[in-house]
Amino acid sequence: MGKAVGPTGDDKALYKQEFDKSVTIFEESLDGYHKADGVGKKAEFKKAMDESLHVMDQLGPIFSKEIQSQKAALEKDYSDYTAGGSEESFQKLHKDIDSLKHELE
């Protein structure tokens, strides 16, 4: 039986690009959600955030434990934000996003 092999450098670069894209979509959707007035608009932005998190979930395990930890913090704060929508939880989400982006550099 052969050994399981992780992604190659080229594959990892593509995965990183997709992860980065998901973080950006999440951030843009978060800002849209925060500013949206109508329930329908908020639902569209929430769907985009949920889908972005799903992509991050799929790709996260190939990255460092620190990135996985930052993503877990993002998910927790996202849950808190969608439950209450406070300005504090919104700011925490942006800090989580900034931390993720920094780790991905």
C-alpha atoms as a PDB file:
ATOM      1  CA  MET A   1       0.000   0.000   0.000  1.00  0.00           C
ATOM      2  CA  GLY A   2       1.270   3.460  -0.900  1.00  0.00           C
ATOM      3  CA  LYS A   3       1.593   6.324   1.493  1.00  0.00           C
ATOM      4  CA  ALA A   4      -1.025   9.048   1.447  1.00  0.00           C
ATOM      5  CA  VAL A   5       0.482  12.088  -0.160  1.00  0.00           C
ATOM      6  CA  GLY A   6      -0.503  15.678   0.604  1.00  0.00           C
ATOM      7  CA  PRO A   7      -1.014  18.320  -2.049  1.00  0.00           C
ATOM      8  CA  THR A   8       1.938  19.292  -4.170  1.00  0.00           C
ATOM      9  CA  GLY A   9       3.282  22.837  -4.206  1.00  0.00           C
ATOM     10  CA  ASP A  10       1.214  23.722  -7.268  1.00  0.00           C
ATOM     11  CA  ASP A  11      -1.934  22.215  -5.792  1.00  0.00           C
ATOM     12  CA  LYS A  12      -1.369  23.962  -2.488  1.00  0.00           C
ATOM     13  CA  ALA A  13      -0.976  27.292  -4.309  1.00  0.00           C
ATOM     14  CA  LEU A  14      -4.336  26.716  -6.021  1.00  0.00           C
ATOM     15  CA  TYR A  15      -5.952  25.725  -2.718  1.00  0.00           C
ATOM     16  CA  LYS A  16      -4.502  28.844  -1.091  1.00  0.00           C
ATOM     17  CA  GLN A  17      -5.915  30.952  -3.912  1.00  0.00           C
ATOM     18  CA  GLU A  18      -9.367  29.405  -3.422  1.00  0.00           C
ATOM     19  CA  PHE A  19      -9.124  29.851   0.361  1.00  0.00           C
ATOM     20  CA  ASP A  20      -8.115  33.524  -0.116  1.00  0.00           C
ATOM     21  CA  LYS A  21     -11.028  34.018  -2.493  1.00  0.00           C
ATOM     22  CA  SER A  22     -13.428  32.519   0.062  1.00  0.00           C
ATOM     23  CA  VAL A  23     -12.103  34.822   2.793  1.00  0.00           C
ATOM     24  CA  THR A  24     -12.604  37.832   0.503  1.00  0.00           C
ATOM     25  CA  ILE A  25     -16.143  36.767  -0.436  1.00  0.00           C
ATOM     26  CA  PHE A  26     -16.909  36.224   3.246  1.00  0.00           C
ATOM     27  CA  GLU A  27     -15.620  39.694   4.138  1.00  0.00           C
ATOM     28  CA  GLU A  28     -17.537  41.435   1.339  1.00  0.00           C
ATOM     29  CA  SER A  29     -20.710  39.533   2.215  1.00  0.00           C
ATOM     30  CA  LEU A  30     -20.287  40.341   5.902  1.00  0.00           C
ATOM     31  CA  ASP A  31     -20.105  44.045   5.102  1.00  0.00           C
ATOM     32  CA  GLY A  32     -23.159  43.744   2.848  1.00  0.00           C
ATOM     33  CA  TYR A  33     -25.064  41.818   5.520  1.00  0.00           C
ATOM     34  CA  HIS A  34     -24.172  44.413   8.143  1.00  0.00           C
ATOM     35  CA  LYS A  35     -25.469  47.264   5.960  1.00  0.00           C
ATOM     36  CA  ALA A  36     -28.521  45.488   4.485  1.00  0.00           C
ATOM     37  CA  ASP A  37     -31.981  46.543   5.544  1.00  0.00           C
ATOM     38  CA  GLY A  38     -34.239  43.898   4.053  1.00  0.00           C
ATOM     39  CA  VAL A  39     -34.548  40.322   5.237  1.00  0.00           C
ATOM     40  CA  GLY A  40     -34.156  39.040   1.677  1.00  0.00           C
ATOM     41  CA  LYS A  41     -30.873  40.889   1.151  1.00  0.00           C
ATOM     42  CA  LYS A  42     -29.541  39.710   4.506  1.00  0.00           C
ATOM     43  CA  ALA A  43     -30.444  36.131   3.559  1.00  0.00           C
ATOM     44  CA  GLU A  44     -28.500  36.433   0.285  1.00  0.00           C
ATOM     45  CA  PHE A  45     -25.413  37.736   2.091  1.00  0.00           C
ATOM     46  CA  LYS A  46     -25.727  35.058   4.780  1.00  0.00           C
ATOM     47  CA  LYS A  47     -25.914  32.359   2.111  1.00  0.00           C
ATOM     48  CA  ALA A  48     -22.707  33.696   0.518  1.00  0.00           C
ATOM     49  CA  MET A  49     -20.976  33.704   3.920  1.00  0.00           C
ATOM     50  CA  ASP A  50     -22.151  30.165   4.649  1.00  0.00           C
ATOM     51  CA  GLU A  51     -20.891  28.951   1.281  1.00  0.00           C
ATOM     52  CA  SER A  52     -17.538  30.675   1.830  1.00  0.00           C
ATOM     53  CA  LEU A  53     -17.185  29.007   5.219  1.00  0.00           C
ATOM     54  CA  HIS A  54     -17.958  25.655   3.605  1.00  0.00           C
ATOM     55  CA  VAL A  55     -15.119  26.130   1.107  1.00  0.00           C
ATOM     56  CA  MET A  56     -12.798  27.129   3.959  1.00  0.00           C
ATOM     57  CA  ASP A  57     -13.886  23.995   5.852  1.00  0.00           C
ATOM     58  CA  GLN A  58     -12.998  21.831   2.881  1.00  0.00           C
ATOM     59  CA  LEU A  59      -9.605  23.433   2.292  1.00  0.00           C
ATOM     60  CA  GLY A  60      -8.607  24.313   5.851  1.00  0.00           C
ATOM     61  CA  PRO A  61      -7.085  20.960   6.842  1.00  0.00           C
ATOM     62  CA  ILE A  62      -4.282  21.283   4.283  1.00  0.00           C
ATOM     63  CA  PHE A  63      -3.068  24.478   5.957  1.00  0.00           C
ATOM     64  CA  SER A  64      -1.301  25.101   9.250  1.00  0.00           C
ATOM     65  CA  LYS A  65      -2.901  24.551  12.639  1.00  0.00           C
ATOM     66  CA  GLU A  66      -2.781  28.328  13.122  1.00  0.00           C
ATOM     67  CA  ILE A  67      -4.955  28.902  10.051  1.00  0.00           C
ATOM     68  CA  GLN A  68      -7.339  26.190  11.234  1.00  0.00           C
ATOM     69  CA  SER A  69      -7.456  27.861  14.658  1.00  0.00           C
ATOM     70  CA  GLN A  70      -8.144  31.276  13.117  1.00  0.00           C
ATOM     71  CA  LYS A  71     -10.907  29.760  10.985  1.00  0.00           C
ATOM     72  CA  ALA A  72     -12.476  28.177  14.078  1.00  0.00           C
ATOM     73  CA  ALA A  73     -12.480  31.600  15.761  1.00  0.00           C
ATOM     74  CA  LEU A  74     -14.104  33.068  12.638  1.00  0.00           C
ATOM     75  CA  GLU A  75     -16.860  30.438  12.750  1.00  0.00           C
ATOM     76  CA  LYS A  76     -17.535  31.039  16.454  1.00  0.00           C
ATOM     77  CA  ASP A  77     -17.683  34.801  16.045  1.00  0.00           C
ATOM     78  CA  TYR A  78     -19.845  34.408  12.936  1.00  0.00           C
ATOM     79  CA  SER A  79     -22.293  32.340  14.940  1.00  0.00           C
ATOM     80  CA  ASP A  80     -22.319  34.990  17.689  1.00  0.00           C
ATOM     81  CA  TYR A  81     -22.791  37.757  15.126  1.00  0.00           C
ATOM     82  CA  THR A  82     -25.678  36.106  13.290  1.00  0.00           C
ATOM     83  CA  ALA A  83     -27.351  35.374  16.633  1.00  0.00           C
ATOM     84  CA  GLY A  84     -27.200  38.969  17.841  1.00  0.00           C
ATOM     85  CA  GLY A  85     -25.677  41.229  15.217  1.00  0.00           C
ATOM     86  CA  SER A  86     -23.835  43.474  17.657  1.00  0.00           C
ATOM     87  CA  GLU A  87     -21.213  45.966  16.525  1.00  0.00           C
ATOM     88  CA  GLU A  88     -18.720  44.247  18.838  1.00  0.00           C
ATOM     89  CA  SER A  89     -19.223  40.850  17.178  1.00  0.00           C
ATOM     90  CA  PHE A  90     -18.987  42.532  13.750  1.00  0.00           C
ATOM     91  CA  GLN A  91     -15.623  44.039  14.718  1.00  0.00           C
ATOM     92  CA  LYS A  92     -14.421  40.675  16.083  1.00  0.00           C
ATOM     93  CA  LEU A  93     -15.244  39.078  12.740  1.00  0.00           C
ATOM     94  CA  HIS A  94     -13.166  41.666  10.921  1.00  0.00           C
ATOM     95  CA  LYS A  95     -10.261  40.988  13.292  1.00  0.00           C
ATOM     96  CA  ASP A  96     -10.642  37.252  12.577  1.00  0.00           C
ATOM     97  CA  ILE A  97     -10.584  37.951   8.834  1.00  0.00           C
ATOM     98  CA  ASP A  98      -7.499  40.138   9.172  1.00  0.00           C
ATOM     99  CA  SER A  99      -5.761  37.419  11.197  1.00  0.00           C
ATOM    100  CA  LEU A 100      -6.612  34.795   8.578  1.00  0.00           C
ATOM    101  CA  LYS A 101      -5.317  36.995   5.791  1.00  0.00           C
ATOM    102  CA  HIS A 102      -2.095  37.606   7.730  1.00  0.00           C
ATOM    103  CA  GLU A 103      -1.574  33.876   8.294  1.00  0.00           C
ATOM    104  CA  LEU A 104      -2.110  33.192   4.603  1.00  0.00           C
ATOM    105  CA  GLU A 105       0.590  35.654   3.494  1.00  0.00           C
END
